[in-house]
Amino acid sequence: MNNRNSASGINITSPINIRIEVNGLLDNTLSDILGGLSISNTTASMSYIEGVVADQAALVGIINTLFNMRFPIVNVKIKKNTKAD
């Protein structure tokens, strides 16, 4: 099975740099349970979670954690592939 998308160069088992936007304000102390990613809040009751995750399985785990905490996910963006060329 080929797990690589040749158009984007993203591999499901490679580290990826992500940004997740959620509705609601996250406390910075939640960074540890969100994979050590950085958390920033806006004045419009939105939070951004950013950083590098180990792979897409780790990303799914973070999304599940946010779901279980009842934070609506507004957007998930892969900022860039962290794999060295």
Protein backbone atom coordinates (compact mmCIF):
# COMPACT_ATOMS: atom_id res chain seq x y z
CA MET A 1 0.00 0.00 0.00
CA ASN A 2 1.28 3.45 -0.89
CA ASN A 3 0.77 5.90 1.96
CA ARG A 4 2.34 8.86 0.19
CA ASN A 5 0.44 11.52 -1.68
CA SER A 6 2.81 12.40 -4.51
CA ALA A 7 1.10 15.72 -5.27
CA SER A 8 1.63 17.14 -1.76
CA GLY A 9 4.66 15.14 -0.63
CA ILE A 10 2.92 14.35 2.66
CA ASN A 11 3.56 10.97 4.21
CA ILE A 12 1.28 9.71 7.00
CA THR A 13 4.27 8.47 9.02
CA SER A 14 6.40 11.65 8.77
CA PRO A 15 6.44 14.67 11.10
CA ILE A 16 4.18 17.52 10.03
CA ASN A 17 3.88 21.15 11.05
CA ILE A 18 0.25 21.91 11.88
CA ARG A 19 -2.08 24.67 12.98
CA ILE A 20 -5.46 23.83 14.52
CA GLU A 21 -8.07 26.53 15.10
CA VAL A 22 -10.71 25.86 17.75
CA ASN A 23 -13.71 27.79 18.99
CA GLY A 24 -13.10 28.65 22.63
CA LEU A 25 -10.19 29.72 24.77
CA LEU A 26 -7.67 27.05 25.72
CA ASP A 27 -5.52 27.45 28.81
CA ASN A 28 -1.78 27.27 28.09
CA THR A 29 -1.45 24.56 30.75
CA LEU A 30 -3.20 22.19 28.31
CA SER A 31 -0.14 22.18 26.06
CA ASP A 32 1.20 18.99 27.69
CA ILE A 33 -1.92 16.96 26.89
CA LEU A 34 -1.95 18.39 23.37
CA GLY A 35 1.43 16.97 22.42
CA GLY A 36 3.46 19.90 23.73
CA LEU A 37 2.14 22.17 20.98
CA SER A 38 2.00 25.92 21.51
CA ILE A 39 -1.36 27.50 22.33
CA SER A 40 -2.35 31.07 21.55
CA ASN A 41 -5.68 32.79 22.08
CA THR A 42 -7.37 35.64 20.23
CA THR A 43 -9.73 38.21 21.62
CA ALA A 44 -12.51 36.64 19.54
CA SER A 45 -12.75 33.48 21.68
CA MET A 46 -10.61 31.46 19.27
CA SER A 47 -7.50 29.43 20.06
CA TYR A 48 -4.68 28.28 17.82
CA ILE A 49 -2.64 25.17 18.49
CA GLU A 50 0.59 25.05 16.51
CA GLY A 51 3.72 22.99 16.17
CA VAL A 52 5.20 19.80 14.81
CA VAL A 53 3.49 16.46 15.45
CA ALA A 54 5.24 13.12 14.98
CA ASP A 55 2.86 11.84 12.32
CA GLN A 56 -0.78 11.82 11.32
CA ALA A 57 -1.65 9.33 14.08
CA ALA A 58 -0.46 11.93 16.61
CA LEU A 59 -2.57 14.57 14.85
CA VAL A 60 -5.65 12.34 15.13
CA GLY A 61 -4.93 11.90 18.85
CA ILE A 62 -4.83 15.67 19.36
CA ILE A 63 -8.05 16.13 17.41
CA ASN A 64 -9.71 13.40 19.51
CA THR A 65 -8.53 15.08 22.71
CA LEU A 66 -10.03 18.39 21.60
CA PHE A 67 -13.28 16.61 20.68
CA ASN A 68 -13.43 14.90 24.09
CA MET A 69 -12.87 18.29 25.75
CA ARG A 70 -15.82 19.64 23.67
CA PHE A 71 -13.84 22.28 21.76
CA PRO A 72 -15.31 22.71 18.27
CA ILE A 73 -12.58 22.41 15.64
CA VAL A 74 -12.84 25.19 13.06
CA ASN A 75 -9.81 24.45 10.88
CA VAL A 76 -6.84 22.10 10.62
CA LYS A 77 -3.98 23.20 8.38
CA ILE A 78 -0.77 21.43 7.49
CA LYS A 79 1.62 24.37 7.32
CA LYS A 80 4.49 22.52 5.67
CA ASN A 81 6.11 19.14 5.45
CA THR A 82 9.01 18.97 7.92
CA LYS A 83 10.77 16.17 6.05
CA ALA A 84 14.17 17.26 4.77
CA ASP A 85 14.53 17.21 0.99
